C-alpha cells in the first residue's frame, strides 16, 4: 500500500452532493492506500462543514469520527510547524499549504493528493504532489 496524504479540499468532496465522480475518486484513494491527514486538515474541514454546509456540532463531530475510522490522523507539533517555515521559504507555498506538505513529509508519505498545489511537483526528492482529478 502506498502512503498518501490528503489535502482538505479532497475530503470536502466526501460530504458534497455536487461532484459524485470526485467523491468516488477520493473514496477509492482512501480504500486503496494508507491514507493520512493531519489535525490541521480536520480543523479546516470542520470550518467548511460549519460555514459552507451549515452543519451543527453534532453532525461535524460525527464526520470527524467517521474520518477517524478510515484514515490515520497525525498531530501537528512544533517540529511540523518549524519544518513548514522551511518548506514555505524554499518552495514559495502559503504557510498553511507548507504545513500540509510538512505533515506529509513527517509521516513519510509518497504522495500528497491536492487540487491546490503544483501537479507532479517533487518536494525534497521524496513527496510527489498530485491532483487526482487530472489525467496524466
N, C-alpha and C. Protein backbone atom coordinates (compact mmCIF):
# COMPACT_ATOMS: atom_id res chain seq x y z
N UNK A 1 0.84 -1.20 0.00
CA UNK A 1 0.00 0.00 0.00
C UNK A 1 0.88 1.25 0.00
N UNK A 2 0.47 2.21 -0.76
CA UNK A 2 1.17 3.48 -0.82
C UNK A 2 0.69 4.39 0.31
N UNK A 3 1.64 5.07 0.96
CA UNK A 3 1.29 6.05 1.99
C UNK A 3 0.96 7.36 1.29
N UNK A 4 -0.27 7.82 1.48
CA UNK A 4 -0.70 9.06 0.85
C UNK A 4 -1.21 10.03 1.91
N UNK A 5 -1.11 11.30 1.59
CA UNK A 5 -1.65 12.36 2.45
C UNK A 5 -2.74 13.06 1.65
N UNK A 6 -3.86 13.35 2.28
CA UNK A 6 -4.97 14.01 1.61
C UNK A 6 -5.14 15.43 2.10
N UNK A 7 -5.18 16.36 1.17
CA UNK A 7 -5.42 17.77 1.49
C UNK A 7 -6.91 17.95 1.81
N UNK A 8 -7.21 19.00 2.52
CA UNK A 8 -8.58 19.29 2.95
C UNK A 8 -9.55 19.34 1.78
N UNK A 9 -9.13 19.94 0.67
CA UNK A 9 -10.06 20.12 -0.45
C UNK A 9 -10.61 18.79 -0.95
N UNK A 10 -9.85 17.71 -0.81
CA UNK A 10 -10.34 16.41 -1.26
C UNK A 10 -11.38 15.84 -0.30
N UNK A 11 -11.17 16.01 0.99
CA UNK A 11 -12.13 15.49 1.96
C UNK A 11 -13.49 16.18 1.85
N UNK A 12 -13.48 17.42 1.43
CA UNK A 12 -14.73 18.16 1.26
C UNK A 12 -15.64 17.45 0.26
N UNK A 13 -15.06 16.85 -0.78
CA UNK A 13 -15.87 16.14 -1.77
C UNK A 13 -16.63 14.96 -1.17
N UNK A 14 -16.12 14.39 -0.08
CA UNK A 14 -16.82 13.28 0.55
C UNK A 14 -18.17 13.69 1.11
N UNK A 15 -18.34 14.98 1.36
CA UNK A 15 -19.57 15.47 2.01
C UNK A 15 -20.35 16.43 1.12
N UNK A 16 -19.97 16.54 -0.13
CA UNK A 16 -20.64 17.41 -1.08
C UNK A 16 -21.50 16.58 -2.02
N UNK A 17 -22.65 17.09 -2.36
CA UNK A 17 -23.54 16.42 -3.31
C UNK A 17 -23.23 16.84 -4.74
N UNK A 18 -22.35 17.82 -4.92
CA UNK A 18 -22.13 18.44 -6.23
C UNK A 18 -21.29 17.61 -7.20
N UNK A 19 -20.35 16.83 -6.71
CA UNK A 19 -19.37 16.17 -7.57
C UNK A 19 -19.25 14.68 -7.23
N UNK A 20 -20.23 13.85 -7.64
CA UNK A 20 -20.17 12.44 -7.27
C UNK A 20 -18.95 11.70 -7.82
N UNK A 21 -18.44 12.10 -8.99
CA UNK A 21 -17.25 11.45 -9.54
C UNK A 21 -16.03 11.73 -8.68
N UNK A 22 -15.91 12.96 -8.24
CA UNK A 22 -14.78 13.32 -7.38
C UNK A 22 -14.90 12.63 -6.02
N UNK A 23 -16.11 12.52 -5.50
CA UNK A 23 -16.32 11.82 -4.23
C UNK A 23 -15.83 10.38 -4.36
N UNK A 24 -16.18 9.73 -5.47
CA UNK A 24 -15.77 8.34 -5.67
C UNK A 24 -14.26 8.22 -5.81
N UNK A 25 -13.64 9.17 -6.47
CA UNK A 25 -12.18 9.16 -6.61
C UNK A 25 -11.51 9.24 -5.24
N UNK A 26 -12.00 10.12 -4.39
CA UNK A 26 -11.43 10.26 -3.05
C UNK A 26 -11.67 8.99 -2.22
N UNK A 27 -12.86 8.44 -2.31
CA UNK A 27 -13.14 7.19 -1.60
C UNK A 27 -12.18 6.09 -2.04
N UNK A 28 -11.94 6.00 -3.34
CA UNK A 28 -11.02 4.99 -3.86
C UNK A 28 -9.60 5.20 -3.33
N UNK A 29 -9.18 6.46 -3.24
CA UNK A 29 -7.85 6.75 -2.69
C UNK A 29 -7.74 6.24 -1.26
N UNK A 30 -8.78 6.45 -0.48
CA UNK A 30 -8.77 6.03 0.92
C UNK A 30 -8.79 4.50 1.03
N UNK A 31 -9.59 3.86 0.20
CA UNK A 31 -9.71 2.40 0.25
C UNK A 31 -8.44 1.70 -0.22
N UNK A 32 -7.81 2.25 -1.26
CA UNK A 32 -6.70 1.56 -1.92
C UNK A 32 -5.32 1.90 -1.37
N UNK A 33 -5.23 2.84 -0.44
CA UNK A 33 -3.95 3.30 0.07
C UNK A 33 -3.98 3.43 1.59
N UNK A 34 -2.81 3.68 2.15
CA UNK A 34 -2.71 4.03 3.57
C UNK A 34 -2.85 5.55 3.64
N UNK A 35 -4.07 6.02 3.91
CA UNK A 35 -4.38 7.45 3.86
C UNK A 35 -4.13 8.11 5.21
N UNK A 36 -3.52 9.29 5.13
CA UNK A 36 -3.16 10.07 6.32
C UNK A 36 -3.64 11.50 6.12
N UNK A 37 -4.11 12.10 7.19
CA UNK A 37 -4.40 13.54 7.23
C UNK A 37 -3.81 14.07 8.53
N UNK A 38 -3.85 15.38 8.70
CA UNK A 38 -3.35 15.97 9.94
C UNK A 38 -4.50 16.64 10.70
N UNK A 39 -4.20 17.00 11.93
CA UNK A 39 -5.20 17.73 12.72
C UNK A 39 -5.54 19.06 12.04
N UNK A 40 -4.60 19.63 11.30
CA UNK A 40 -4.88 20.84 10.53
C UNK A 40 -6.01 20.57 9.53
N UNK A 41 -5.95 19.45 8.84
CA UNK A 41 -6.98 19.09 7.86
C UNK A 41 -8.33 18.92 8.56
N UNK A 42 -8.33 18.28 9.72
CA UNK A 42 -9.57 18.12 10.48
C UNK A 42 -10.15 19.49 10.84
N UNK A 43 -9.30 20.41 11.27
CA UNK A 43 -9.78 21.75 11.62
C UNK A 43 -10.32 22.50 10.41
N UNK A 44 -9.61 22.44 9.30
CA UNK A 44 -10.06 23.12 8.08
C UNK A 44 -11.38 22.52 7.58
N UNK A 45 -11.47 21.19 7.60
CA UNK A 45 -12.71 20.53 7.18
C UNK A 45 -13.87 20.93 8.10
N UNK A 46 -13.64 20.95 9.39
CA UNK A 46 -14.67 21.36 10.35
C UNK A 46 -15.18 22.75 10.03
N UNK A 47 -14.27 23.66 9.74
CA UNK A 47 -14.64 25.03 9.40
C UNK A 47 -15.54 25.08 8.16
N UNK A 48 -15.20 24.31 7.13
CA UNK A 48 -16.01 24.27 5.91
C UNK A 48 -17.38 23.65 6.20
N UNK A 49 -17.40 22.59 6.99
CA UNK A 49 -18.68 21.94 7.31
C UNK A 49 -19.61 22.88 8.07
N UNK A 50 -19.05 23.69 8.94
CA UNK A 50 -19.86 24.69 9.65
C UNK A 50 -20.32 25.80 8.71
N UNK A 51 -19.39 26.38 7.97
CA UNK A 51 -19.70 27.57 7.17
C UNK A 51 -20.44 27.27 5.87
N UNK A 52 -19.91 26.34 5.08
CA UNK A 52 -20.48 26.08 3.75
C UNK A 52 -21.66 25.12 3.81
N UNK A 53 -21.51 24.06 4.61
CA UNK A 53 -22.55 23.03 4.66
C UNK A 53 -23.58 23.28 5.77
N UNK A 54 -23.29 24.27 6.63
CA UNK A 54 -24.21 24.67 7.71
C UNK A 54 -24.57 23.51 8.64
N UNK A 55 -23.60 22.64 8.90
CA UNK A 55 -23.84 21.53 9.82
C UNK A 55 -23.72 22.01 11.27
N UNK A 56 -24.44 21.33 12.15
CA UNK A 56 -24.32 21.67 13.57
C UNK A 56 -23.17 20.86 14.18
N UNK A 57 -22.88 21.14 15.43
CA UNK A 57 -21.73 20.50 16.11
C UNK A 57 -21.84 18.98 16.13
N UNK A 58 -23.03 18.45 16.40
CA UNK A 58 -23.19 17.00 16.46
C UNK A 58 -22.84 16.35 15.12
N UNK A 59 -23.29 16.96 14.03
CA UNK A 59 -23.01 16.39 12.70
C UNK A 59 -21.53 16.53 12.34
N UNK A 60 -20.91 17.64 12.70
CA UNK A 60 -19.48 17.82 12.43
C UNK A 60 -18.68 16.79 13.21
N UNK A 61 -19.03 16.58 14.47
CA UNK A 61 -18.34 15.57 15.28
C UNK A 61 -18.54 14.17 14.71
N UNK A 62 -19.70 13.89 14.16
CA UNK A 62 -19.96 12.60 13.53
C UNK A 62 -19.06 12.41 12.30
N UNK A 63 -18.89 13.47 11.51
CA UNK A 63 -17.99 13.43 10.35
C UNK A 63 -16.56 13.14 10.81
N UNK A 64 -16.12 13.83 11.86
CA UNK A 64 -14.76 13.63 12.37
C UNK A 64 -14.56 12.18 12.81
N UNK A 65 -15.54 11.63 13.51
CA UNK A 65 -15.44 10.24 13.94
C UNK A 65 -15.42 9.29 12.75
N UNK A 66 -16.20 9.58 11.73
CA UNK A 66 -16.21 8.76 10.52
C UNK A 66 -14.84 8.79 9.84
N UNK A 67 -14.28 9.97 9.73
CA UNK A 67 -12.96 10.11 9.11
C UNK A 67 -11.91 9.40 9.96
N UNK A 68 -11.99 9.56 11.26
CA UNK A 68 -11.04 8.93 12.17
C UNK A 68 -11.05 7.41 12.02
N UNK A 69 -12.18 6.86 11.65
CA UNK A 69 -12.28 5.42 11.46
C UNK A 69 -11.71 4.92 10.15
N UNK A 70 -11.38 5.85 9.24
CA UNK A 70 -10.95 5.45 7.90
C UNK A 70 -9.57 5.93 7.48
N UNK A 71 -9.03 6.91 8.18
CA UNK A 71 -7.69 7.42 7.86
C UNK A 71 -6.92 7.64 9.17
N UNK A 72 -5.61 7.67 9.07
CA UNK A 72 -4.78 7.99 10.23
C UNK A 72 -4.71 9.51 10.35
N UNK A 73 -4.91 10.02 11.56
CA UNK A 73 -4.85 11.47 11.79
C UNK A 73 -3.60 11.76 12.61
N UNK A 74 -2.71 12.53 12.00
CA UNK A 74 -1.44 12.89 12.62
C UNK A 74 -1.55 14.27 13.26
N UNK A 75 -0.99 14.40 14.44
CA UNK A 75 -0.99 15.69 15.12
C UNK A 75 0.06 16.64 14.56
N UNK A 76 -0.27 17.89 14.51
CA UNK A 76 0.70 18.93 14.13
C UNK A 76 1.43 19.34 15.39
N UNK A 77 2.76 19.24 15.37
CA UNK A 77 3.55 19.61 16.54
C UNK A 77 4.52 20.74 16.19
N UNK A 78 5.32 21.14 17.14
CA UNK A 78 6.23 22.25 16.92
C UNK A 78 7.25 21.96 15.81
N UNK A 79 7.72 20.72 15.73
CA UNK A 79 8.67 20.36 14.66
C UNK A 79 8.01 20.46 13.28
N UNK A 80 6.73 20.05 13.20
CA UNK A 80 5.98 20.17 11.94
C UNK A 80 5.90 21.64 11.53
N UNK A 81 5.62 22.48 12.49
CA UNK A 81 5.49 23.92 12.23
C UNK A 81 6.82 24.52 11.78
N UNK A 82 7.90 24.16 12.46
CA UNK A 82 9.21 24.68 12.07
C UNK A 82 9.57 24.25 10.65
N UNK A 83 9.30 22.97 10.34
CA UNK A 83 9.62 22.48 9.00
C UNK A 83 8.75 23.16 7.95
N UNK A 84 7.53 23.51 8.31
CA UNK A 84 6.64 24.23 7.38
C UNK A 84 7.25 25.57 6.98
N UNK A 85 7.93 26.24 7.89
CA UNK A 85 8.57 27.52 7.55
C UNK A 85 9.70 27.30 6.55
N UNK A 86 10.45 26.22 6.71
CA UNK A 86 11.49 25.88 5.75
C UNK A 86 10.87 25.61 4.37
N UNK A 87 9.81 24.81 4.33
CA UNK A 87 9.12 24.49 3.07
C UNK A 87 8.58 25.75 2.42
N UNK A 88 7.99 26.62 3.21
CA UNK A 88 7.43 27.88 2.69
C UNK A 88 8.52 28.71 2.01
N UNK A 89 9.65 28.84 2.66
CA UNK A 89 10.74 29.65 2.10
C UNK A 89 11.33 29.01 0.85
N UNK A 90 11.48 27.71 0.86
CA UNK A 90 12.12 27.02 -0.26
C UNK A 90 11.21 26.88 -1.48
N UNK A 91 9.94 26.55 -1.26
CA UNK A 91 9.04 26.24 -2.37
C UNK A 91 8.00 27.32 -2.66
N UNK A 92 7.96 28.34 -1.81
CA UNK A 92 7.10 29.50 -2.03
C UNK A 92 5.60 29.20 -1.98
N UNK A 93 5.23 28.20 -1.20
CA UNK A 93 3.81 27.93 -0.96
C UNK A 93 3.34 28.78 0.22
N UNK A 94 2.03 28.92 0.35
CA UNK A 94 1.50 29.64 1.51
C UNK A 94 1.90 28.87 2.77
N UNK A 95 1.81 29.53 3.90
CA UNK A 95 2.18 28.87 5.15
C UNK A 95 1.32 27.62 5.39
N UNK A 96 0.00 27.74 5.20
CA UNK A 96 -0.86 26.61 5.50
C UNK A 96 -0.67 25.45 4.51
N UNK A 97 -0.40 25.75 3.25
CA UNK A 97 -0.04 24.68 2.30
C UNK A 97 1.29 24.05 2.71
N UNK A 98 2.22 24.86 3.15
CA UNK A 98 3.52 24.34 3.60
C UNK A 98 3.37 23.46 4.83
N UNK A 99 2.42 23.79 5.68
CA UNK A 99 2.16 22.96 6.87
C UNK A 99 1.60 21.60 6.46
N UNK A 100 0.76 21.57 5.43
CA UNK A 100 0.24 20.31 4.89
C UNK A 100 1.41 19.49 4.34
N UNK A 101 2.26 20.12 3.54
CA UNK A 101 3.43 19.44 2.96
C UNK A 101 4.33 18.91 4.07
N UNK A 102 4.58 19.73 5.07
CA UNK A 102 5.42 19.34 6.20
C UNK A 102 4.85 18.11 6.91
N UNK A 103 3.55 18.09 7.12
CA UNK A 103 2.90 16.95 7.76
C UNK A 103 3.04 15.69 6.91
N UNK A 104 2.87 15.84 5.60
CA UNK A 104 3.00 14.69 4.70
C UNK A 104 4.42 14.13 4.74
N UNK A 105 5.40 15.02 4.72
CA UNK A 105 6.80 14.57 4.79
C UNK A 105 7.10 13.92 6.14
N UNK A 106 6.62 14.52 7.20
CA UNK A 106 6.84 13.99 8.54
C UNK A 106 6.27 12.57 8.68
N UNK A 107 5.18 12.30 7.96
CA UNK A 107 4.54 10.98 8.03
C UNK A 107 5.05 10.03 6.95
N UNK A 108 6.13 10.45 6.27
CA UNK A 108 6.79 9.61 5.26
C UNK A 108 5.85 9.16 4.15
N UNK A 109 5.01 10.10 3.71
CA UNK A 109 4.09 9.82 2.62
C UNK A 109 4.83 9.90 1.28
N UNK A 110 4.36 9.12 0.33
CA UNK A 110 4.92 9.13 -1.02
C UNK A 110 4.24 10.18 -1.89
N UNK A 111 2.94 10.37 -1.66
CA UNK A 111 2.15 11.28 -2.49
C UNK A 111 1.27 12.14 -1.60
N UNK A 112 1.18 13.42 -1.94
CA UNK A 112 0.22 14.34 -1.35
C UNK A 112 -0.81 14.64 -2.43
N UNK A 113 -2.03 14.20 -2.22
CA UNK A 113 -3.09 14.48 -3.17
C UNK A 113 -3.76 15.80 -2.82
N UNK A 114 -3.80 16.71 -3.79
CA UNK A 114 -4.34 18.05 -3.60
C UNK A 114 -4.73 18.63 -4.94
N UNK A 115 -5.67 19.54 -4.92
CA UNK A 115 -6.02 20.29 -6.13
C UNK A 115 -5.33 21.65 -6.15
N UNK A 116 -4.76 22.05 -5.03
CA UNK A 116 -4.32 23.43 -4.85
C UNK A 116 -2.85 23.70 -5.08
N UNK A 117 -2.07 22.68 -5.33
CA UNK A 117 -0.63 22.89 -5.48
C UNK A 117 -0.18 22.41 -6.86
N UNK A 118 1.08 22.61 -7.16
CA UNK A 118 1.60 22.29 -8.49
C UNK A 118 1.61 20.78 -8.73
N UNK A 119 0.81 20.35 -9.70
CA UNK A 119 0.68 18.94 -10.02
C UNK A 119 2.02 18.35 -10.47
N UNK A 120 2.35 17.19 -9.93
CA UNK A 120 3.57 16.43 -10.25
C UNK A 120 4.86 17.04 -9.72
N UNK A 121 4.76 18.06 -8.88
CA UNK A 121 5.98 18.62 -8.28
C UNK A 121 6.53 17.64 -7.26
N UNK A 122 7.84 17.52 -7.22
CA UNK A 122 8.52 16.66 -6.26
C UNK A 122 9.12 17.55 -5.16
N UNK A 123 8.76 17.29 -3.93
CA UNK A 123 9.22 18.07 -2.78
C UNK A 123 10.29 17.27 -2.05
N UNK A 124 11.46 17.88 -1.89
CA UNK A 124 12.58 17.28 -1.16
C UNK A 124 12.97 15.91 -1.73
N UNK A 125 12.74 15.71 -3.01
CA UNK A 125 13.05 14.44 -3.68
C UNK A 125 12.37 13.24 -3.01
N UNK A 126 11.27 13.50 -2.33
CA UNK A 126 10.56 12.45 -1.57
C UNK A 126 9.08 12.42 -1.89
N UNK A 127 8.43 13.58 -1.78
CA UNK A 127 6.98 13.68 -1.81
C UNK A 127 6.51 14.24 -3.15
N UNK A 128 5.64 13.50 -3.83
CA UNK A 128 5.09 13.97 -5.09
C UNK A 128 3.72 14.58 -4.85
N UNK A 129 3.50 15.78 -5.38
CA UNK A 129 2.20 16.43 -5.30
C UNK A 129 1.39 16.02 -6.53
N UNK A 130 0.18 15.52 -6.30
CA UNK A 130 -0.63 15.05 -7.41
C UNK A 130 -2.07 15.52 -7.27
N UNK A 131 -2.63 15.96 -8.39
CA UNK A 131 -4.04 16.25 -8.47
C UNK A 131 -4.72 14.98 -8.98
N UNK A 132 -5.55 14.33 -8.15
CA UNK A 132 -6.12 13.05 -8.55
C UNK A 132 -7.17 13.17 -9.65
N UNK A 133 -7.56 14.38 -9.98
CA UNK A 133 -8.60 14.59 -10.98
C UNK A 133 -8.04 14.97 -12.35
N UNK A 134 -6.72 15.12 -12.45
CA UNK A 134 -6.09 15.45 -13.72
C UNK A 134 -5.62 14.18 -14.41
N UNK A 135 -5.87 14.10 -15.70
CA UNK A 135 -5.38 12.97 -16.47
C UNK A 135 -3.90 13.20 -16.70
N UNK A 136 -3.10 12.19 -16.44
CA UNK A 136 -1.64 12.34 -16.54
C UNK A 136 -1.14 12.20 -17.95
